[in-house]
Amino acid sequence: MRAVVVSHLAGDLGGIAVADIPVPRIGREDVLVKVKAASLNPVDWKLAAGVAFPGWSLPHVAALDAAGIIAEVGADVTEWRAGDRVVWHHSLFAGGVCAEYAAVPAHVIARIPDGVPDEAAAAVPCAGYTAFQGLVRKAHLQKGQWVLVQGASGGVGGFAVQIAALHGAHVIALARPEQEARVRALGAHHVIDYRRPDLRDAVRQLTPGGYGADIMLEVVNPRDARKSLDLLHYNGQLITVDPLPDLSETPAYTYAASIHEVALGGAYGAGYRPTQEDFARMGDWFMAQLSMGRISPMIEHQISMEQVREYLHRLKAGGITGKIVVGID
């Protein structure tokens, strides 16, 4: 089968190429999926560059998010059949998904409803589940709360804006002025340029009592956690994706904030099946929203397998908004 593989780790991503490799074998609790579409995320270039490396054996198939049609089911799989359309977020400790076929644990897949394109489904998992796990599973987002989203024009941030708006929250998005119209279309009620020197005051002026937001989702953490905690009210909640906040200069008893780490890959690394199974439930929620037209998959680029290295370079350089989807043909 054809696949996008990483043959060696390299900062210039020179180890990424399309190659022919064997179709993977499945275990008793797995399904074999004929992949129709995959999507790219920042973690993909980090893994290929060796910035983050979970101990792969090389060559390794790239990418973690995909959608397709089940071609074969393992001996112990009873809830799925060949021909079912599915989407999933894959383990970064196993072979990737940017290939004609992928072997997938049956307990992590979600069903794609009729009418939802494979490309739209594939755009969701890593970024969408990250935002959902942070806001809904960890911060227990409630209607009427004030949610501040950093990186609102990106993948995780864009899904966070939509999730918060659908849950009835007041959404403040941090984004560049040229992205304001796009971010508002996703559901943001207020958009602030994150480079403003008076950012703290601008956020607090919008929130009740001038205290700050209830919840902040932070995609890229500043060196000093106080810069984010200053945007929250006392007892607020900070959700961090990558990296963890530096609390070394934060005085004790001044913020009393709850800090939530979100790391989807950690559920696979820890072997914690309950969270892995929750990936499927989050997928069901997103697929339902897509089928009703309530969530945008935010697809900005649709590319071929041969273009994956080029677009991972672009992700590494920054500036890409929305999602990149790879057609597997």
C-alpha atoms as a PDB file:
ATOM      1  CA  MET A   1       0.000   0.000   0.000  1.00  0.00           C
ATOM      2  CA  ARG A   2       1.020   3.634  -0.438  1.00  0.00           C
ATOM      3  CA  ALA A   3       1.767   5.609   2.711  1.00  0.00           C
ATOM      4  CA  VAL A   4       3.465   8.789   3.901  1.00  0.00           C
ATOM      5  CA  VAL A   5       6.352   7.485   5.984  1.00  0.00           C
ATOM      6  CA  VAL A   6       9.058   8.964   8.178  1.00  0.00           C
ATOM      7  CA  SER A   7      12.236   7.038   7.327  1.00  0.00           C
ATOM      8  CA  HIS A   8      14.492   9.050   9.655  1.00  0.00           C
ATOM      9  CA  LEU A   9      14.138  11.994  12.026  1.00  0.00           C
ATOM     10  CA  ALA A  10      15.355  15.322  10.665  1.00  0.00           C
ATOM     11  CA  GLY A  11      14.849  18.947  11.601  1.00  0.00           C
ATOM     12  CA  ASP A  12      14.274  19.807   7.944  1.00  0.00           C
ATOM     13  CA  LEU A  13      11.647  17.034   7.733  1.00  0.00           C
ATOM     14  CA  GLY A  14      13.751  15.392   5.043  1.00  0.00           C
ATOM     15  CA  GLY A  15      12.776  11.942   6.275  1.00  0.00           C
ATOM     16  CA  ILE A  16       9.175  12.287   5.041  1.00  0.00           C
ATOM     17  CA  ALA A  17       8.246  10.669   1.719  1.00  0.00           C
ATOM     18  CA  VAL A  18       5.579   8.559   0.024  1.00  0.00           C
ATOM     19  CA  ALA A  19       6.517   4.887  -0.065  1.00  0.00           C
ATOM     20  CA  ASP A  20       5.065   1.418  -0.586  1.00  0.00           C
ATOM     21  CA  ILE A  21       4.777  -0.623   2.608  1.00  0.00           C
ATOM     22  CA  PRO A  22       2.841  -3.744   3.650  1.00  0.00           C
ATOM     23  CA  VAL A  23      -0.794  -3.520   4.730  1.00  0.00           C
ATOM     24  CA  PRO A  24      -0.845  -3.710   8.563  1.00  0.00           C
ATOM     25  CA  ARG A  25      -2.165  -6.776  10.327  1.00  0.00           C
ATOM     26  CA  ILE A  26      -4.916  -6.412  12.886  1.00  0.00           C
ATOM     27  CA  GLY A  27      -5.315  -7.918  16.336  1.00  0.00           C
ATOM     28  CA  ARG A  28      -8.409  -9.544  17.745  1.00  0.00           C
ATOM     29  CA  GLU A  29      -9.768  -6.229  19.113  1.00  0.00           C
ATOM     30  CA  ASP A  30      -8.820  -4.114  16.083  1.00  0.00           C
ATOM     31  CA  VAL A  31     -10.378  -3.120  12.798  1.00  0.00           C
ATOM     32  CA  LEU A  32      -8.635  -2.577   9.470  1.00  0.00           C
ATOM     33  CA  VAL A  33      -9.758   0.701   7.900  1.00  0.00           C
ATOM     34  CA  LYS A  34      -9.434   1.677   4.267  1.00  0.00           C
ATOM     35  CA  VAL A  35      -8.444   5.288   4.854  1.00  0.00           C
ATOM     36  CA  LYS A  36     -10.191   7.944   2.765  1.00  0.00           C
ATOM     37  CA  ALA A  37      -8.820  11.112   4.393  1.00  0.00           C
ATOM     38  CA  ALA A  38      -6.294  12.110   7.048  1.00  0.00           C
ATOM     39  CA  SER A  39      -5.515  15.452   8.650  1.00  0.00           C
ATOM     40  CA  LEU A  40      -2.284  17.080   9.772  1.00  0.00           C
ATOM     41  CA  ASN A  41      -1.543  18.620  13.162  1.00  0.00           C
ATOM     42  CA  PRO A  42       1.498  20.407  14.658  1.00  0.00           C
ATOM     43  CA  VAL A  43       2.434  17.254  16.572  1.00  0.00           C
ATOM     44  CA  ASP A  44       3.101  15.548  13.225  1.00  0.00           C
ATOM     45  CA  TRP A  45       6.029  17.785  12.294  1.00  0.00           C
ATOM     46  CA  LYS A  46       7.340  17.688  15.857  1.00  0.00           C
ATOM     47  CA  LEU A  47       7.454  13.893  15.756  1.00  0.00           C
ATOM     48  CA  ALA A  48       9.075  13.795  12.310  1.00  0.00           C
ATOM     49  CA  ALA A  49      11.676  16.370  13.400  1.00  0.00           C
ATOM     50  CA  GLY A  50      12.509  14.506  16.600  1.00  0.00           C
ATOM     51  CA  VAL A  51      11.354  17.426  18.776  1.00  0.00           C
ATOM     52  CA  ALA A  52       8.977  15.000  20.443  1.00  0.00           C
ATOM     53  CA  PHE A  53       9.695  11.305  20.025  1.00  0.00           C
ATOM     54  CA  PRO A  54       7.845   8.417  21.668  1.00  0.00           C
ATOM     55  CA  GLY A  55      10.337   5.716  20.676  1.00  0.00           C
ATOM     56  CA  TRP A  56       9.140   4.796  17.200  1.00  0.00           C
ATOM     57  CA  SER A  57      10.740   2.055  15.171  1.00  0.00           C
ATOM     58  CA  LEU A  58      11.496   3.584  11.774  1.00  0.00           C
ATOM     59  CA  PRO A  59      10.180   3.809   9.105  1.00  0.00           C
ATOM     60  CA  HIS A  60       6.914   5.017  10.621  1.00  0.00           C
ATOM     61  CA  VAL A  61       3.646   6.099   8.997  1.00  0.00           C
ATOM     62  CA  ALA A  62       2.854   9.774   9.609  1.00  0.00           C
ATOM     63  CA  ALA A  63      -0.260  11.461  11.058  1.00  0.00           C
ATOM     64  CA  LEU A  64      -2.769  10.650  13.796  1.00  0.00           C
ATOM     65  CA  ASP A  65      -6.239  11.636  12.534  1.00  0.00           C
ATOM     66  CA  ALA A  66      -8.169   9.798   9.840  1.00  0.00           C
ATOM     67  CA  ALA A  67     -11.529   8.723   8.481  1.00  0.00           C
ATOM     68  CA  GLY A  68     -12.447   5.821   6.265  1.00  0.00           C
ATOM     69  CA  ILE A  69     -14.352   2.578   5.762  1.00  0.00           C
ATOM     70  CA  ILE A  70     -13.853  -0.604   7.773  1.00  0.00           C
ATOM     71  CA  ALA A  71     -12.455  -3.330   5.526  1.00  0.00           C
ATOM     72  CA  GLU A  72     -11.992  -6.073   8.134  1.00  0.00           C
ATOM     73  CA  VAL A  73     -12.819  -6.641  11.807  1.00  0.00           C
ATOM     74  CA  GLY A  74     -10.863  -8.571  14.413  1.00  0.00           C
ATOM     75  CA  ALA A  75     -12.139 -11.840  15.868  1.00  0.00           C
ATOM     76  CA  ASP A  76     -13.344 -10.230  19.122  1.00  0.00           C
ATOM     77  CA  VAL A  77     -14.989  -7.156  17.569  1.00  0.00           C
ATOM     78  CA  THR A  78     -18.783  -7.409  17.657  1.00  0.00           C
ATOM     79  CA  GLU A  79     -20.074  -3.821  17.430  1.00  0.00           C
ATOM     80  CA  TRP A  80     -18.599  -2.980  14.009  1.00  0.00           C
ATOM     81  CA  ARG A  81     -18.951  -4.434  10.508  1.00  0.00           C
ATOM     82  CA  ALA A  82     -17.074  -4.175   7.235  1.00  0.00           C
ATOM     83  CA  GLY A  83     -18.463  -1.177   5.357  1.00  0.00           C
ATOM     84  CA  ASP A  84     -19.006   1.026   8.421  1.00  0.00           C
ATOM     85  CA  ARG A  85     -17.663   4.559   8.049  1.00  0.00           C
ATOM     86  CA  VAL A  86     -15.476   5.612  10.981  1.00  0.00           C
ATOM     87  CA  VAL A  87     -13.209   8.363  12.307  1.00  0.00           C
ATOM     88  CA  TRP A  88     -10.599   8.272  15.063  1.00  0.00           C
ATOM     89  CA  HIS A  89      -7.589   9.801  16.801  1.00  0.00           C
ATOM     90  CA  HIS A  90      -4.671   7.386  16.639  1.00  0.00           C
ATOM     91  CA  SER A  91      -1.983   6.521  19.151  1.00  0.00           C
ATOM     92  CA  LEU A  92       1.336   8.255  18.503  1.00  0.00           C
ATOM     93  CA  PHE A  93       2.973   5.113  19.902  1.00  0.00           C
ATOM     94  CA  ALA A  94       1.581   2.962  17.066  1.00  0.00           C
ATOM     95  CA  GLY A  95       1.846   3.112  13.278  1.00  0.00           C
ATOM     96  CA  GLY A  96       0.250   6.248  11.834  1.00  0.00           C
ATOM     97  CA  VAL A  97      -2.732   6.739   9.519  1.00  0.00           C
ATOM     98  CA  CYS A  98      -1.628   8.655   6.413  1.00  0.00           C
ATOM     99  CA  ALA A  99      -1.804   5.485   4.356  1.00  0.00           C
ATOM    100  CA  GLU A 100      -4.240   3.465   2.274  1.00  0.00           C
ATOM    101  CA  TYR A 101      -4.967   1.199   5.262  1.00  0.00           C
ATOM    102  CA  ALA A 102      -4.617   1.510   9.046  1.00  0.00           C
ATOM    103  CA  ALA A 103      -5.079  -0.939  11.928  1.00  0.00           C
ATOM    104  CA  VAL A 104      -7.127   0.687  14.696  1.00  0.00           C
ATOM    105  CA  PRO A 105      -8.335  -0.396  18.168  1.00  0.00           C
ATOM    106  CA  ALA A 106     -12.097  -0.758  17.850  1.00  0.00           C
ATOM    107  CA  HIS A 107     -12.800   1.016  21.137  1.00  0.00           C
ATOM    108  CA  VAL A 108     -11.541   4.433  19.919  1.00  0.00           C
ATOM    109  CA  ILE A 109     -13.513   4.796  16.681  1.00  0.00           C
ATOM    110  CA  ALA A 110     -16.674   6.836  16.151  1.00  0.00           C
ATOM    111  CA  ARG A 111     -19.292   6.390  13.443  1.00  0.00           C
ATOM    112  CA  ILE A 112     -19.523   8.929  10.611  1.00  0.00           C
ATOM    113  CA  PRO A 113     -23.171   9.775   9.829  1.00  0.00           C
ATOM    114  CA  ASP A 114     -24.521   9.779   6.302  1.00  0.00           C
ATOM    115  CA  GLY A 115     -23.989  13.171   4.715  1.00  0.00           C
ATOM    116  CA  VAL A 116     -20.774  13.977   6.571  1.00  0.00           C
ATOM    117  CA  PRO A 117     -17.809  13.893   4.156  1.00  0.00           C
ATOM    118  CA  ASP A 118     -14.734  11.877   5.116  1.00  0.00           C
ATOM    119  CA  GLU A 119     -12.630  15.029   4.824  1.00  0.00           C
ATOM    120  CA  ALA A 120     -14.790  16.905   7.346  1.00  0.00           C
ATOM    121  CA  ALA A 121     -14.687  14.004   9.800  1.00  0.00           C
ATOM    122  CA  ALA A 122     -10.913  13.586   9.492  1.00  0.00           C
ATOM    123  CA  ALA A 123     -10.351  17.274  10.258  1.00  0.00           C
ATOM    124  CA  VAL A 124     -11.770  16.967  13.767  1.00  0.00           C
ATOM    125  CA  PRO A 125     -10.071  14.489  16.154  1.00  0.00           C
ATOM    126  CA  CYS A 126      -6.753  15.818  17.497  1.00  0.00           C
ATOM    127  CA  ALA A 127      -7.694  19.496  17.605  1.00  0.00           C
ATOM    128  CA  GLY A 128     -11.386  18.997  18.331  1.00  0.00           C
ATOM    129  CA  TYR A 129     -11.000  16.361  21.042  1.00  0.00           C
ATOM    130  CA  THR A 130      -8.272  18.434  22.705  1.00  0.00           C
ATOM    131  CA  ALA A 131     -10.572  21.450  22.941  1.00  0.00           C
ATOM    132  CA  PHE A 132     -13.537  19.327  24.070  1.00  0.00           C
ATOM    133  CA  GLN A 133     -11.581  17.420  26.704  1.00  0.00           C
ATOM    134  CA  GLY A 134     -10.242  20.670  28.133  1.00  0.00           C
ATOM    135  CA  LEU A 135     -13.440  22.705  28.167  1.00  0.00           C
ATOM    136  CA  VAL A 136     -16.105  20.068  28.776  1.00  0.00           C
ATOM    137  CA  ARG A 137     -14.449  17.093  30.462  1.00  0.00           C
ATOM    138  CA  LYS A 138     -11.982  18.992  32.666  1.00  0.00           C
ATOM    139  CA  ALA A 139     -13.298  22.538  33.156  1.00  0.00           C
ATOM    140  CA  HIS A 140     -16.968  21.412  33.104  1.00  0.00           C
ATOM    141  CA  LEU A 141     -18.006  24.342  30.918  1.00  0.00           C
ATOM    142  CA  GLN A 142     -21.371  25.838  31.852  1.00  0.00           C
ATOM    143  CA  LYS A 143     -23.842  28.076  30.050  1.00  0.00           C
ATOM    144  CA  GLY A 144     -23.239  31.744  30.752  1.00  0.00           C
ATOM    145  CA  GLN A 145     -19.582  31.418  31.671  1.00  0.00           C
ATOM    146  CA  TRP A 146     -16.938  33.646  30.135  1.00  0.00           C
ATOM    147  CA  VAL A 147     -14.387  31.679  28.109  1.00  0.00           C
ATOM    148  CA  LEU A 148     -11.154  33.152  26.805  1.00  0.00           C
ATOM    149  CA  VAL A 149      -9.572  31.294  23.866  1.00  0.00           C
ATOM    150  CA  GLN A 150      -5.966  31.866  22.897  1.00  0.00           C
ATOM    151  CA  GLY A 151      -4.983  31.017  19.315  1.00  0.00           C
ATOM    152  CA  ALA A 152      -8.629  31.247  18.272  1.00  0.00           C
ATOM    153  CA  SER A 153      -7.824  31.173  14.548  1.00  0.00           C
ATOM    154  CA  GLY A 154      -5.971  27.844  14.781  1.00  0.00           C
ATOM    155  CA  GLY A 155      -7.212  24.276  14.951  1.00  0.00           C
ATOM    156  CA  VAL A 156      -7.598  23.739  18.708  1.00  0.00           C
ATOM    157  CA  GLY A 157      -8.605  27.352  19.307  1.00  0.00           C
ATOM    158  CA  GLY A 158     -11.124  27.372  16.474  1.00  0.00           C
ATOM    159  CA  PHE A 159     -12.848  24.252  17.771  1.00  0.00           C
ATOM    160  CA  ALA A 160     -12.753  25.687  21.306  1.00  0.00           C
ATOM    161  CA  VAL A 161     -14.571  28.819  20.138  1.00  0.00           C
ATOM    162  CA  GLN A 162     -17.280  26.685  18.521  1.00  0.00           C
ATOM    163  CA  ILE A 163     -17.650  24.329  21.497  1.00  0.00           C
ATOM    164  CA  ALA A 164     -17.922  27.206  23.966  1.00  0.00           C
ATOM    165  CA  ALA A 165     -20.466  29.034  21.831  1.00  0.00           C
ATOM    166  CA  LEU A 166     -22.586  25.898  21.394  1.00  0.00           C
ATOM    167  CA  HIS A 167     -22.603  25.451  25.174  1.00  0.00           C
ATOM    168  CA  GLY A 168     -23.951  28.968  25.667  1.00  0.00           C
ATOM    169  CA  ALA A 169     -20.766  30.606  26.912  1.00  0.00           C
ATOM    170  CA  HIS A 170     -19.614  34.162  26.278  1.00  0.00           C
ATOM    171  CA  VAL A 171     -16.556  33.723  24.058  1.00  0.00           C
ATOM    172  CA  ILE A 172     -13.606  36.109  24.001  1.00  0.00           C
ATOM    173  CA  ALA A 173     -11.163  35.184  21.235  1.00  0.00           C
ATOM    174  CA  LEU A 174      -7.528  36.239  21.086  1.00  0.00           C
ATOM    175  CA  ALA A 175      -6.493  36.589  17.446  1.00  0.00           C
ATOM    176  CA  ARG A 176      -4.923  38.976  14.967  1.00  0.00           C
ATOM    177  CA  PRO A 177      -7.217  41.681  13.528  1.00  0.00           C
ATOM    178  CA  GLU A 178      -7.108  40.120  10.053  1.00  0.00           C
ATOM    179  CA  GLN A 179      -8.666  36.962  11.516  1.00  0.00           C
ATOM    180  CA  GLU A 180     -11.499  38.740  13.329  1.00  0.00           C
ATOM    181  CA  ALA A 181     -14.229  38.051  10.749  1.00  0.00           C
ATOM    182  CA  ARG A 182     -13.308  34.378  10.557  1.00  0.00           C
ATOM    183  CA  VAL A 183     -13.209  33.935  14.334  1.00  0.00           C
ATOM    184  CA  ARG A 184     -16.525  35.728  14.805  1.00  0.00           C
ATOM    185  CA  ALA A 185     -18.060  33.422  12.194  1.00  0.00           C
ATOM    186  CA  LEU A 186     -17.023  30.494  14.400  1.00  0.00           C
ATOM    187  CA  GLY A 187     -18.985  31.953  17.303  1.00  0.00           C
ATOM    188  CA  ALA A 188     -16.729  34.421  19.129  1.00  0.00           C
ATOM    189  CA  HIS A 189     -18.608  37.314  20.725  1.00  0.00           C
ATOM    190  CA  HIS A 190     -15.522  39.472  21.270  1.00  0.00           C
ATOM    191  CA  VAL A 191     -12.141  39.450  19.485  1.00  0.00           C
ATOM    192  CA  ILE A 192      -9.036  41.040  20.994  1.00  0.00           C
ATOM    193  CA  ASP A 193      -5.594  41.339  19.430  1.00  0.00           C
ATOM    194  CA  TYR A 194      -3.392  39.234  21.717  1.00  0.00           C
ATOM    195  CA  ARG A 195      -0.479  41.648  21.160  1.00  0.00           C
ATOM    196  CA  ARG A 196      -2.222  44.574  22.881  1.00  0.00           C
ATOM    197  CA  PRO A 197      -0.094  45.957  25.718  1.00  0.00           C
ATOM    198  CA  ASP A 198      -3.259  46.469  27.777  1.00  0.00           C
ATOM    199  CA  LEU A 199      -4.545  42.919  27.186  1.00  0.00           C
ATOM    200  CA  ARG A 200      -5.312  42.324  30.853  1.00  0.00           C
ATOM    201  CA  ASP A 201      -7.431  45.460  31.091  1.00  0.00           C
ATOM    202  CA  ALA A 202      -9.171  44.769  27.772  1.00  0.00           C
ATOM    203  CA  VAL A 203     -10.242  41.304  28.923  1.00  0.00           C
ATOM    204  CA  ARG A 204     -11.317  42.407  32.371  1.00  0.00           C
ATOM    205  CA  GLN A 205     -13.397  45.294  31.021  1.00  0.00           C
ATOM    206  CA  LEU A 206     -15.549  42.782  29.132  1.00  0.00           C
ATOM    207  CA  THR A 207     -16.196  40.403  32.024  1.00  0.00           C
ATOM    208  CA  PRO A 208     -18.727  40.860  34.870  1.00  0.00           C
ATOM    209  CA  GLY A 209     -17.331  42.910  37.742  1.00  0.00           C
ATOM    210  CA  GLY A 210     -14.100  43.413  35.818  1.00  0.00           C
ATOM    211  CA  TYR A 211     -12.741  40.266  37.445  1.00  0.00           C
ATOM    212  CA  GLY A 212     -11.631  38.330  34.359  1.00  0.00           C
ATOM    213  CA  ALA A 213     -12.718  35.184  32.540  1.00  0.00           C
ATOM    214  CA  ASP A 214     -13.996  31.989  34.150  1.00  0.00           C
ATOM    215  CA  ILE A 215     -11.964  29.725  31.859  1.00  0.00           C
ATOM    216  CA  MET A 216      -8.987  30.253  29.572  1.00  0.00           C
ATOM    217  CA  LEU A 217      -7.792  27.751  26.990  1.00  0.00           C
ATOM    218  CA  GLU A 218      -4.153  28.312  26.199  1.00  0.00           C
ATOM    219  CA  VAL A 219      -2.500  26.705  23.191  1.00  0.00           C
ATOM    220  CA  VAL A 220       0.990  28.187  23.534  1.00  0.00           C
ATOM    221  CA  ASN A 221       2.015  29.060  27.060  1.00  0.00           C
ATOM    222  CA  PRO A 222       4.088  32.148  27.890  1.00  0.00           C
ATOM    223  CA  ARG A 223       7.115  31.700  30.112  1.00  0.00           C
ATOM    224  CA  ASP A 224       5.391  33.277  33.092  1.00  0.00           C
ATOM    225  CA  ALA A 225       2.020  31.735  33.989  1.00  0.00           C
ATOM    226  CA  ARG A 226       0.997  35.004  35.639  1.00  0.00           C
ATOM    227  CA  LYS A 227       0.387  36.498  32.181  1.00  0.00           C
ATOM    228  CA  SER A 228      -2.433  34.024  31.693  1.00  0.00           C
ATOM    229  CA  LEU A 229      -3.660  33.886  35.270  1.00  0.00           C
ATOM    230  CA  ASP A 230      -4.036  37.675  35.225  1.00  0.00           C
ATOM    231  CA  LEU A 231      -6.750  37.215  32.580  1.00  0.00           C
ATOM    232  CA  LEU A 232      -8.787  34.960  34.870  1.00  0.00           C
ATOM    233  CA  HIS A 233     -10.757  35.776  37.976  1.00  0.00           C
ATOM    234  CA  TYR A 234      -9.790  34.361  41.355  1.00  0.00           C
ATOM    235  CA  ASN A 235     -10.570  30.610  41.407  1.00  0.00           C
ATOM    236  CA  GLY A 236     -10.623  30.581  37.590  1.00  0.00           C
ATOM    237  CA  GLN A 237      -9.563  27.677  35.402  1.00  0.00           C
ATOM    238  CA  LEU A 238      -6.595  27.553  33.026  1.00  0.00           C
ATOM    239  CA  ILE A 239      -6.468  24.817  30.388  1.00  0.00           C
ATOM    240  CA  THR A 240      -3.020  24.231  28.921  1.00  0.00           C
ATOM    241  CA  VAL A 241      -2.147  22.210  25.824  1.00  0.00           C
ATOM    242  CA  ASP A 242       1.564  22.600  25.140  1.00  0.00           C
ATOM    243  CA  PRO A 243       3.762  23.213  27.023  1.00  0.00           C
ATOM    244  CA  LEU A 244       2.884  23.267  30.708  1.00  0.00           C
ATOM    245  CA  PRO A 245       2.822  26.714  32.347  1.00  0.00           C
ATOM    246  CA  ASP A 246       5.790  27.941  34.332  1.00  0.00           C
ATOM    247  CA  LEU A 247       4.482  28.562  37.836  1.00  0.00           C
ATOM    248  CA  SER A 248       7.871  29.165  39.457  1.00  0.00           C
ATOM    249  CA  GLU A 249       7.312  32.932  39.659  1.00  0.00           C
ATOM    250  CA  THR A 250       3.642  32.748  40.618  1.00  0.00           C
ATOM    251  CA  PRO A 251       3.064  33.749  44.269  1.00  0.00           C
ATOM    252  CA  ALA A 252       1.087  31.223  46.265  1.00  0.00           C
ATOM    253  CA  TYR A 253      -2.465  32.040  47.385  1.00  0.00           C
ATOM    254  CA  THR A 254      -2.882  34.881  44.892  1.00  0.00           C
ATOM    255  CA  TYR A 255      -4.868  33.196  42.095  1.00  0.00           C
ATOM    256  CA  ALA A 256      -6.146  29.877  43.520  1.00  0.00           C
ATOM    257  CA  ALA A 257      -6.550  28.777  39.909  1.00  0.00           C
ATOM    258  CA  SER A 258      -7.261  25.245  38.741  1.00  0.00           C
ATOM    259  CA  ILE A 259      -4.824  24.243  36.001  1.00  0.00           C
ATOM    260  CA  HIS A 260      -5.765  21.455  33.613  1.00  0.00           C
ATOM    261  CA  GLU A 261      -3.281  19.675  31.359  1.00  0.00           C
ATOM    262  CA  VAL A 262      -4.660  18.248  28.123  1.00  0.00           C
ATOM    263  CA  ALA A 263      -2.579  15.593  26.366  1.00  0.00           C
ATOM    264  CA  LEU A 264      -4.554  13.115  24.248  1.00  0.00           C
ATOM    265  CA  GLY A 265      -1.512  11.000  23.460  1.00  0.00           C
ATOM    266  CA  GLY A 266      -0.910  10.478  27.148  1.00  0.00           C
ATOM    267  CA  ALA A 267      -4.000   8.248  27.367  1.00  0.00           C
ATOM    268  CA  TYR A 268      -2.332   5.821  24.981  1.00  0.00           C
ATOM    269  CA  GLY A 269       1.065   6.106  26.649  1.00  0.00           C
ATOM    270  CA  ALA A 270      -0.450   5.436  30.062  1.00  0.00           C
ATOM    271  CA  GLY A 271      -2.565   2.600  28.707  1.00  0.00           C
ATOM    272  CA  TYR A 272      -5.630   4.200  30.305  1.00  0.00           C
ATOM    273  CA  ARG A 273      -8.537   2.695  28.410  1.00  0.00           C
ATOM    274  CA  PRO A 274     -11.379   4.774  29.942  1.00  0.00           C
ATOM    275  CA  THR A 275      -9.998   7.958  28.368  1.00  0.00           C
ATOM    276  CA  GLN A 276      -9.290   6.139  25.108  1.00  0.00           C
ATOM    277  CA  GLU A 277     -12.920   5.023  25.035  1.00  0.00           C
ATOM    278  CA  ASP A 278     -13.959   8.618  25.659  1.00  0.00           C
ATOM    279  CA  PHE A 279     -12.286   9.553  22.351  1.00  0.00           C
ATOM    280  CA  ALA A 280     -15.079   7.591  20.660  1.00  0.00           C
ATOM    281  CA  ARG A 281     -17.759   9.424  22.669  1.00  0.00           C
ATOM    282  CA  MET A 282     -16.234  12.803  21.824  1.00  0.00           C
ATOM    283  CA  GLY A 283     -16.144  11.697  18.199  1.00  0.00           C
ATOM    284  CA  ASP A 284     -19.842  10.848  18.357  1.00  0.00           C
ATOM    285  CA  TRP A 285     -20.597  14.355  19.677  1.00  0.00           C
ATOM    286  CA  PHE A 286     -18.598  16.038  16.920  1.00  0.00           C
ATOM    287  CA  MET A 287     -20.064  13.868  14.168  1.00  0.00           C
ATOM    288  CA  ALA A 288     -23.565  14.749  15.365  1.00  0.00           C
ATOM    289  CA  GLN A 289     -22.721  18.461  15.269  1.00  0.00           C
ATOM    290  CA  LEU A 290     -21.224  18.124  11.788  1.00  0.00           C
ATOM    291  CA  SER A 291     -24.305  16.295  10.519  1.00  0.00           C
ATOM    292  CA  MET A 292     -26.522  19.139  11.800  1.00  0.00           C
ATOM    293  CA  GLY A 293     -24.256  21.845  10.398  1.00  0.00           C
ATOM    294  CA  ARG A 294     -23.539  23.251  13.847  1.00  0.00           C
ATOM    295  CA  ILE A 295     -19.745  22.803  13.697  1.00  0.00           C
ATOM    296  CA  SER A 296     -17.373  23.833  10.938  1.00  0.00           C
ATOM    297  CA  PRO A 297     -14.449  21.456  10.248  1.00  0.00           C
ATOM    298  CA  MET A 298     -12.443  24.586   9.339  1.00  0.00           C
ATOM    299  CA  ILE A 299     -10.737  22.943   6.354  1.00  0.00           C
ATOM    300  CA  GLU A 300      -8.369  25.467   4.789  1.00  0.00           C
ATOM    301  CA  HIS A 301      -6.228  23.174   2.622  1.00  0.00           C
ATOM    302  CA  GLN A 302      -6.970  19.884   0.860  1.00  0.00           C
ATOM    303  CA  ILE A 303      -3.789  18.228  -0.354  1.00  0.00           C
ATOM    304  CA  SER A 304      -2.349  15.007  -1.766  1.00  0.00           C
ATOM    305  CA  MET A 305      -0.042  12.557  -0.019  1.00  0.00           C
ATOM    306  CA  GLU A 306       2.861  13.939  -2.049  1.00  0.00           C
ATOM    307  CA  GLN A 307       2.295  17.390  -0.515  1.00  0.00           C
ATOM    308  CA  VAL A 308       2.419  16.296   3.135  1.00  0.00           C
ATOM    309  CA  ARG A 309       6.062  17.240   3.716  1.00  0.00           C
ATOM    310  CA  GLU A 310       5.513  20.692   2.174  1.00  0.00           C
ATOM    311  CA  TYR A 311       2.503  21.397   4.381  1.00  0.00           C
ATOM    312  CA  LEU A 312       4.198  20.106   7.525  1.00  0.00           C
ATOM    313  CA  HIS A 313       6.937  22.642   6.746  1.00  0.00           C
ATOM    314  CA  ARG A 314       4.244  25.309   6.570  1.00  0.00           C
ATOM    315  CA  LEU A 315       2.763  24.169   9.876  1.00  0.00           C
ATOM    316  CA  LYS A 316       6.204  24.323  11.434  1.00  0.00           C
ATOM    317  CA  ALA A 317       6.746  27.856  10.131  1.00  0.00           C
ATOM    318  CA  GLY A 318       3.403  28.979  11.573  1.00  0.00           C
ATOM    319  CA  GLY A 319       0.709  31.100  10.040  1.00  0.00           C
ATOM    320  CA  ILE A 320      -1.618  28.339   8.836  1.00  0.00           C
ATOM    321  CA  THR A 321      -5.149  28.743  10.129  1.00  0.00           C
ATOM    322  CA  GLY A 322      -7.751  26.033  10.138  1.00  0.00           C
ATOM    323  CA  LYS A 323      -7.150  22.423   9.149  1.00  0.00           C
ATOM    324  CA  ILE A 324      -5.116  20.613   6.486  1.00  0.00           C
ATOM    325  CA  VAL A 325      -6.740  17.457   5.091  1.00  0.00           C
ATOM    326  CA  VAL A 326      -4.940  14.825   3.025  1.00  0.00           C
ATOM    327  CA  GLY A 327      -6.895  12.883   0.424  1.00  0.00           C
ATOM    328  CA  ILE A 328      -5.929   9.193   0.423  1.00  0.00           C
ATOM    329  CA  ASP A 329      -6.657   7.783  -3.010  1.00  0.00           C
END
